[in-house]
Amino acid sequence: MIPEANKKILSNYKTIAVVGLSKNPEKDSYKVASYMQNAGYRVIPVNPGAEEILGEKAYKNLRDIPEPVDVVNIFRPLAEAGGIVDAAISIGAKAVWMQLGIFDEAAAKKAAGAGLDVVMDWCMMTEHMRLKKWSE
């Protein structure tokens, strides 16, 4: 069974800012973002050390992105989740997705309190694959 929040985000939102998207194709953040891009989502890299990733302009932080963002996908250490959630709220994101291994209850409550959909400790790519399989 796929949790409702996961299903809602993957079915309704199409622009994903990936905070911590690596330039290295061997890293999980790159693999997940590449998969999501190939599945038809708009992926916006957020990495202060990159100019471009996956053919998309990279931004230093969420606030620099000049277009609306639906989902903020967090690929940064747990200690940074709260600040990233604050930035997601400030830019008007609709959802925050904390990747596998990132579980920050306080950040999740803050995001939910601001009206964002929240997913913690799930892999976006794996959940998309499961949703696709269930809908076939």
N, C-alpha and C. Protein backbone atom coordinates (compact mmCIF):
# COMPACT_ATOMS: atom_id res chain seq x y z
N MET A 1 0.84 -1.19 0.00
CA MET A 1 0.00 0.00 0.00
C MET A 1 0.88 1.25 0.00
N ILE A 2 0.54 2.20 -0.81
CA ILE A 2 1.31 3.43 -0.92
C ILE A 2 0.64 4.50 -0.05
N PRO A 3 1.39 5.12 0.86
CA PRO A 3 0.79 6.17 1.70
C PRO A 3 0.16 7.28 0.86
N GLU A 4 -0.95 7.82 1.34
CA GLU A 4 -1.69 8.84 0.60
C GLU A 4 -0.85 10.07 0.27
N ALA A 5 -0.04 10.52 1.22
CA ALA A 5 0.79 11.72 0.95
C ALA A 5 1.74 11.45 -0.21
N ASN A 6 2.35 10.27 -0.24
CA ASN A 6 3.27 9.92 -1.32
C ASN A 6 2.53 9.94 -2.66
N LYS A 7 1.37 9.32 -2.67
CA LYS A 7 0.57 9.24 -3.89
C LYS A 7 0.14 10.63 -4.36
N LYS A 8 -0.31 11.47 -3.42
CA LYS A 8 -0.77 12.82 -3.77
C LYS A 8 0.36 13.63 -4.39
N ILE A 9 1.52 13.61 -3.76
CA ILE A 9 2.65 14.39 -4.26
C ILE A 9 3.08 13.91 -5.64
N LEU A 10 3.23 12.61 -5.80
CA LEU A 10 3.70 12.07 -7.07
C LEU A 10 2.68 12.21 -8.20
N SER A 11 1.41 12.25 -7.85
CA SER A 11 0.36 12.34 -8.87
C SER A 11 0.02 13.77 -9.25
N ASN A 12 0.18 14.72 -8.33
CA ASN A 12 -0.33 16.07 -8.56
C ASN A 12 0.72 17.15 -8.76
N TYR A 13 1.96 16.90 -8.36
CA TYR A 13 2.99 17.93 -8.44
C TYR A 13 4.06 17.52 -9.44
N LYS A 14 4.52 18.46 -10.25
CA LYS A 14 5.43 18.11 -11.34
C LYS A 14 6.78 18.83 -11.32
N THR A 15 6.95 19.86 -10.49
CA THR A 15 8.21 20.58 -10.43
C THR A 15 8.90 20.27 -9.11
N ILE A 16 10.08 19.68 -9.17
CA ILE A 16 10.80 19.22 -7.99
C ILE A 16 12.15 19.93 -7.89
N ALA A 17 12.35 20.68 -6.80
CA ALA A 17 13.67 21.24 -6.51
C ALA A 17 14.39 20.23 -5.64
N VAL A 18 15.53 19.76 -6.11
CA VAL A 18 16.29 18.75 -5.38
C VAL A 18 17.45 19.43 -4.67
N VAL A 19 17.32 19.58 -3.35
CA VAL A 19 18.34 20.24 -2.55
C VAL A 19 19.42 19.21 -2.19
N GLY A 20 20.62 19.49 -2.67
CA GLY A 20 21.72 18.54 -2.45
C GLY A 20 21.92 17.62 -3.63
N LEU A 21 21.42 18.01 -4.79
CA LEU A 21 21.60 17.20 -6.00
C LEU A 21 23.07 17.20 -6.40
N SER A 22 23.67 16.03 -6.41
CA SER A 22 25.08 15.88 -6.73
C SER A 22 25.30 15.87 -8.25
N LYS A 23 26.50 16.31 -8.65
CA LYS A 23 26.93 16.22 -10.05
C LYS A 23 27.42 14.81 -10.37
N ASN A 24 27.64 14.01 -9.36
CA ASN A 24 28.20 12.67 -9.51
C ASN A 24 27.10 11.65 -9.83
N PRO A 25 27.13 11.05 -11.03
CA PRO A 25 26.10 10.08 -11.42
C PRO A 25 26.02 8.85 -10.52
N GLU A 26 27.04 8.62 -9.70
CA GLU A 26 27.04 7.46 -8.80
C GLU A 26 26.27 7.73 -7.50
N LYS A 27 25.97 8.99 -7.22
CA LYS A 27 25.28 9.36 -5.97
C LYS A 27 23.78 9.14 -6.10
N ASP A 28 23.16 8.78 -4.97
CA ASP A 28 21.71 8.53 -4.96
C ASP A 28 20.91 9.74 -5.42
N SER A 29 21.33 10.94 -5.01
CA SER A 29 20.57 12.13 -5.39
C SER A 29 20.51 12.27 -6.91
N TYR A 30 21.61 12.00 -7.57
CA TYR A 30 21.68 12.09 -9.03
C TYR A 30 20.78 11.01 -9.66
N LYS A 31 20.88 9.79 -9.15
CA LYS A 31 20.08 8.68 -9.69
C LYS A 31 18.59 8.95 -9.55
N VAL A 32 18.18 9.41 -8.39
CA VAL A 32 16.76 9.70 -8.15
C VAL A 32 16.29 10.84 -9.04
N ALA A 33 17.05 11.93 -9.08
CA ALA A 33 16.66 13.09 -9.88
C ALA A 33 16.60 12.74 -11.37
N SER A 34 17.56 11.98 -11.84
CA SER A 34 17.58 11.55 -13.23
C SER A 34 16.35 10.70 -13.55
N TYR A 35 16.04 9.78 -12.67
CA TYR A 35 14.86 8.94 -12.86
C TYR A 35 13.59 9.81 -12.92
N MET A 36 13.46 10.74 -11.98
CA MET A 36 12.26 11.58 -11.94
C MET A 36 12.16 12.45 -13.19
N GLN A 37 13.29 12.96 -13.64
CA GLN A 37 13.32 13.76 -14.87
C GLN A 37 12.86 12.91 -16.06
N ASN A 38 13.37 11.69 -16.15
CA ASN A 38 12.98 10.79 -17.24
C ASN A 38 11.52 10.37 -17.14
N ALA A 39 10.95 10.44 -15.94
CA ALA A 39 9.54 10.09 -15.74
C ALA A 39 8.61 11.27 -16.06
N GLY A 40 9.20 12.41 -16.46
CA GLY A 40 8.39 13.54 -16.89
C GLY A 40 8.28 14.70 -15.91
N TYR A 41 9.00 14.63 -14.82
CA TYR A 41 8.98 15.72 -13.85
C TYR A 41 10.03 16.77 -14.23
N ARG A 42 9.77 18.00 -13.86
CA ARG A 42 10.75 19.08 -14.03
C ARG A 42 11.63 19.05 -12.79
N VAL A 43 12.92 18.85 -12.96
CA VAL A 43 13.86 18.78 -11.86
C VAL A 43 14.72 20.05 -11.86
N ILE A 44 14.76 20.72 -10.71
CA ILE A 44 15.57 21.92 -10.56
C ILE A 44 16.67 21.61 -9.52
N PRO A 45 17.93 21.59 -9.96
CA PRO A 45 19.03 21.30 -9.04
C PRO A 45 19.31 22.46 -8.08
N VAL A 46 19.53 22.12 -6.82
CA VAL A 46 19.97 23.11 -5.83
C VAL A 46 21.28 22.59 -5.26
N ASN A 47 22.37 23.22 -5.72
CA ASN A 47 23.71 22.83 -5.32
C ASN A 47 24.62 24.03 -5.54
N PRO A 48 25.10 24.66 -4.46
CA PRO A 48 25.91 25.86 -4.61
C PRO A 48 27.23 25.65 -5.34
N GLY A 49 27.66 24.41 -5.52
CA GLY A 49 28.92 24.14 -6.19
C GLY A 49 28.78 23.74 -7.64
N ALA A 50 27.58 23.90 -8.20
CA ALA A 50 27.36 23.47 -9.58
C ALA A 50 26.72 24.58 -10.40
N GLU A 51 27.06 24.61 -11.67
CA GLU A 51 26.42 25.54 -12.61
C GLU A 51 25.20 24.88 -13.27
N GLU A 52 25.37 23.56 -13.56
CA GLU A 52 24.33 22.82 -14.27
C GLU A 52 24.43 21.35 -13.89
N ILE A 53 23.26 20.72 -13.73
CA ILE A 53 23.19 19.28 -13.47
C ILE A 53 22.00 18.74 -14.24
N LEU A 54 22.18 17.61 -14.89
CA LEU A 54 21.12 16.97 -15.69
C LEU A 54 20.55 17.92 -16.75
N GLY A 55 21.41 18.78 -17.28
CA GLY A 55 20.99 19.70 -18.32
C GLY A 55 20.16 20.88 -17.82
N GLU A 56 20.07 21.05 -16.50
CA GLU A 56 19.29 22.13 -15.91
C GLU A 56 20.21 23.07 -15.14
N LYS A 57 19.90 24.36 -15.18
CA LYS A 57 20.66 25.34 -14.40
C LYS A 57 20.53 24.99 -12.92
N ALA A 58 21.64 25.02 -12.21
CA ALA A 58 21.64 24.76 -10.78
C ALA A 58 21.61 26.09 -10.01
N TYR A 59 20.95 26.08 -8.87
CA TYR A 59 20.82 27.26 -8.04
C TYR A 59 21.53 27.04 -6.71
N LYS A 60 22.00 28.15 -6.12
CA LYS A 60 22.73 28.07 -4.85
C LYS A 60 21.81 27.69 -3.70
N ASN A 61 20.55 28.17 -3.75
CA ASN A 61 19.58 27.85 -2.70
C ASN A 61 18.17 27.97 -3.26
N LEU A 62 17.21 27.54 -2.49
CA LEU A 62 15.82 27.54 -2.95
C LEU A 62 15.32 28.93 -3.30
N ARG A 63 15.73 29.92 -2.52
CA ARG A 63 15.23 31.29 -2.74
C ARG A 63 15.70 31.90 -4.06
N ASP A 64 16.74 31.33 -4.66
CA ASP A 64 17.25 31.84 -5.94
C ASP A 64 16.45 31.33 -7.15
N ILE A 65 15.62 30.34 -6.96
CA ILE A 65 14.88 29.74 -8.08
C ILE A 65 13.80 30.73 -8.53
N PRO A 66 13.81 31.13 -9.81
CA PRO A 66 12.89 32.17 -10.29
C PRO A 66 11.51 31.68 -10.73
N GLU A 67 11.19 30.44 -10.46
CA GLU A 67 9.89 29.90 -10.88
C GLU A 67 9.26 29.14 -9.72
N PRO A 68 7.95 28.89 -9.80
CA PRO A 68 7.29 28.16 -8.72
C PRO A 68 7.83 26.73 -8.59
N VAL A 69 7.93 26.27 -7.36
CA VAL A 69 8.39 24.91 -7.05
C VAL A 69 7.24 24.19 -6.34
N ASP A 70 6.93 23.00 -6.82
CA ASP A 70 5.88 22.20 -6.18
C ASP A 70 6.43 21.44 -4.98
N VAL A 71 7.53 20.72 -5.21
CA VAL A 71 8.08 19.82 -4.18
C VAL A 71 9.54 20.16 -3.94
N VAL A 72 9.91 20.21 -2.67
CA VAL A 72 11.32 20.34 -2.29
C VAL A 72 11.75 18.97 -1.80
N ASN A 73 12.67 18.35 -2.55
CA ASN A 73 13.18 17.03 -2.22
C ASN A 73 14.52 17.23 -1.51
N ILE A 74 14.63 16.75 -0.27
CA ILE A 74 15.80 17.01 0.55
C ILE A 74 16.78 15.84 0.53
N PHE A 75 17.97 16.12 0.01
CA PHE A 75 19.09 15.17 -0.01
C PHE A 75 20.26 15.79 0.74
N ARG A 76 20.03 16.27 1.93
CA ARG A 76 21.07 16.87 2.75
C ARG A 76 21.04 16.20 4.12
N PRO A 77 22.08 16.40 4.92
CA PRO A 77 22.09 15.79 6.25
C PRO A 77 20.90 16.21 7.09
N LEU A 78 20.49 15.34 7.97
CA LEU A 78 19.35 15.56 8.85
C LEU A 78 19.40 16.92 9.54
N ALA A 79 20.56 17.33 9.98
CA ALA A 79 20.70 18.59 10.71
C ALA A 79 20.28 19.80 9.86
N GLU A 80 20.26 19.67 8.55
CA GLU A 80 19.89 20.78 7.67
C GLU A 80 18.41 20.78 7.29
N ALA A 81 17.69 19.75 7.64
CA ALA A 81 16.28 19.62 7.21
C ALA A 81 15.42 20.80 7.67
N GLY A 82 15.57 21.22 8.91
CA GLY A 82 14.75 22.31 9.42
C GLY A 82 14.91 23.60 8.64
N GLY A 83 16.14 23.97 8.33
CA GLY A 83 16.40 25.18 7.56
C GLY A 83 15.88 25.07 6.13
N ILE A 84 15.97 23.88 5.57
CA ILE A 84 15.46 23.67 4.20
C ILE A 84 13.94 23.76 4.20
N VAL A 85 13.31 23.22 5.23
CA VAL A 85 11.85 23.33 5.34
C VAL A 85 11.44 24.80 5.47
N ASP A 86 12.17 25.57 6.27
CA ASP A 86 11.87 27.01 6.38
C ASP A 86 11.94 27.68 5.01
N ALA A 87 12.97 27.35 4.24
CA ALA A 87 13.12 27.94 2.91
C ALA A 87 11.99 27.47 1.99
N ALA A 88 11.60 26.19 2.09
CA ALA A 88 10.50 25.66 1.27
C ALA A 88 9.21 26.42 1.56
N ILE A 89 8.97 26.68 2.83
CA ILE A 89 7.76 27.44 3.21
C ILE A 89 7.85 28.85 2.64
N SER A 90 9.02 29.47 2.74
CA SER A 90 9.17 30.87 2.29
C SER A 90 8.99 31.03 0.78
N ILE A 91 9.29 30.01 0.00
CA ILE A 91 9.12 30.13 -1.46
C ILE A 91 7.75 29.66 -1.94
N GLY A 92 6.91 29.19 -1.01
CA GLY A 92 5.56 28.77 -1.39
C GLY A 92 5.48 27.38 -1.98
N ALA A 93 6.43 26.51 -1.64
CA ALA A 93 6.36 25.12 -2.12
C ALA A 93 5.08 24.47 -1.59
N LYS A 94 4.63 23.47 -2.29
CA LYS A 94 3.41 22.76 -1.89
C LYS A 94 3.70 21.52 -1.06
N ALA A 95 4.95 21.03 -1.15
CA ALA A 95 5.29 19.79 -0.45
C ALA A 95 6.78 19.74 -0.15
N VAL A 96 7.10 18.96 0.88
CA VAL A 96 8.48 18.67 1.24
C VAL A 96 8.62 17.15 1.29
N TRP A 97 9.64 16.65 0.62
CA TRP A 97 9.91 15.21 0.61
C TRP A 97 11.29 15.00 1.19
N MET A 98 11.36 14.38 2.37
CA MET A 98 12.64 14.07 2.99
C MET A 98 13.01 12.65 2.58
N GLN A 99 14.13 12.54 1.88
CA GLN A 99 14.55 11.25 1.33
C GLN A 99 14.79 10.20 2.42
N LEU A 100 14.96 8.99 1.98
CA LEU A 100 15.22 7.86 2.85
C LEU A 100 16.33 8.19 3.84
N GLY A 101 16.08 7.96 5.11
CA GLY A 101 17.07 8.24 6.15
C GLY A 101 16.92 9.60 6.79
N ILE A 102 16.06 10.45 6.25
CA ILE A 102 15.85 11.79 6.82
C ILE A 102 14.49 11.81 7.51
N PHE A 103 14.56 11.91 8.83
CA PHE A 103 13.35 11.88 9.66
C PHE A 103 13.46 12.99 10.68
N ASP A 104 12.78 14.11 10.45
CA ASP A 104 12.83 15.27 11.34
C ASP A 104 11.40 15.65 11.69
N GLU A 105 10.94 15.17 12.82
CA GLU A 105 9.55 15.38 13.24
C GLU A 105 9.22 16.87 13.39
N ALA A 106 10.14 17.65 13.98
CA ALA A 106 9.88 19.08 14.18
C ALA A 106 9.75 19.79 12.83
N ALA A 107 10.62 19.48 11.89
CA ALA A 107 10.56 20.10 10.56
C ALA A 107 9.27 19.68 9.85
N ALA A 108 8.89 18.42 10.00
CA ALA A 108 7.66 17.93 9.37
C ALA A 108 6.44 18.64 9.93
N LYS A 109 6.40 18.82 11.25
CA LYS A 109 5.26 19.52 11.87
C LYS A 109 5.20 20.98 11.40
N LYS A 110 6.36 21.61 11.29
CA LYS A 110 6.40 23.00 10.83
C LYS A 110 5.86 23.09 9.40
N ALA A 111 6.31 22.18 8.53
CA ALA A 111 5.85 22.18 7.14
C ALA A 111 4.36 21.92 7.05
N ALA A 112 3.89 20.92 7.78
CA ALA A 112 2.46 20.59 7.77
C ALA A 112 1.64 21.76 8.31
N GLY A 113 2.15 22.40 9.35
CA GLY A 113 1.46 23.55 9.93
C GLY A 113 1.34 24.71 8.96
N ALA A 114 2.27 24.79 8.02
CA ALA A 114 2.26 25.83 6.99
C ALA A 114 1.44 25.41 5.77
N GLY A 115 0.85 24.21 5.83
CA GLY A 115 -0.01 23.75 4.74
C GLY A 115 0.67 22.91 3.68
N LEU A 116 1.93 22.54 3.90
CA LEU A 116 2.63 21.70 2.92
C LEU A 116 2.34 20.23 3.17
N ASP A 117 2.31 19.47 2.10
CA ASP A 117 2.27 18.01 2.22
C ASP A 117 3.68 17.57 2.60
N VAL A 118 3.77 16.53 3.43
CA VAL A 118 5.07 16.12 3.95
C VAL A 118 5.25 14.61 3.83
N VAL A 119 6.44 14.23 3.36
CA VAL A 119 6.86 12.83 3.35
C VAL A 119 8.24 12.79 4.00
N MET A 120 8.42 11.82 4.89
CA MET A 120 9.71 11.63 5.55
C MET A 120 10.17 10.20 5.38
N ASP A 121 11.48 10.03 5.19
CA ASP A 121 12.11 8.72 5.22
C ASP A 121 11.59 7.76 4.15
N TRP A 122 11.33 8.29 2.96
CA TRP A 122 10.93 7.48 1.80
C TRP A 122 11.75 7.92 0.60
N CYS A 123 12.03 7.00 -0.28
CA CYS A 123 12.72 7.32 -1.53
C CYS A 123 11.69 7.68 -2.60
N MET A 124 11.82 8.87 -3.16
CA MET A 124 10.87 9.34 -4.18
C MET A 124 10.86 8.42 -5.40
N MET A 125 12.02 7.97 -5.83
CA MET A 125 12.11 7.11 -7.01
C MET A 125 11.40 5.77 -6.75
N THR A 126 11.69 5.16 -5.62
CA THR A 126 11.07 3.87 -5.28
C THR A 126 9.56 4.00 -5.19
N GLU A 127 9.10 5.08 -4.58
CA GLU A 127 7.66 5.28 -4.45
C GLU A 127 7.01 5.53 -5.81
N HIS A 128 7.70 6.25 -6.69
CA HIS A 128 7.15 6.47 -8.02
C HIS A 128 7.04 5.14 -8.78
N MET A 129 8.06 4.30 -8.65
CA MET A 129 8.03 2.98 -9.30
C MET A 129 6.85 2.15 -8.77
N ARG A 130 6.66 2.19 -7.45
CA ARG A 130 5.55 1.44 -6.85
C ARG A 130 4.20 1.98 -7.32
N LEU A 131 4.06 3.28 -7.37
CA LEU A 131 2.81 3.90 -7.80
C LEU A 131 2.51 3.54 -9.25
N LYS A 132 3.54 3.58 -10.07
CA LYS A 132 3.39 3.22 -11.48
C LYS A 132 2.93 1.77 -11.62
N LYS A 133 3.55 0.90 -10.83
CA LYS A 133 3.19 -0.52 -10.88
C LYS A 133 1.75 -0.74 -10.42
N TRP A 134 1.34 -0.06 -9.34
CA TRP A 134 -0.02 -0.22 -8.81
C TRP A 134 -1.06 0.31 -9.77
N SER A 135 -0.70 1.33 -10.57
CA SER A 135 -1.69 1.95 -11.46
C SER A 135 -1.78 1.25 -12.81
N GLU A 136 -0.90 0.27 -13.05
CA GLU A 136 -0.94 -0.43 -14.34
C GLU A 136 -2.02 -1.51 -14.35
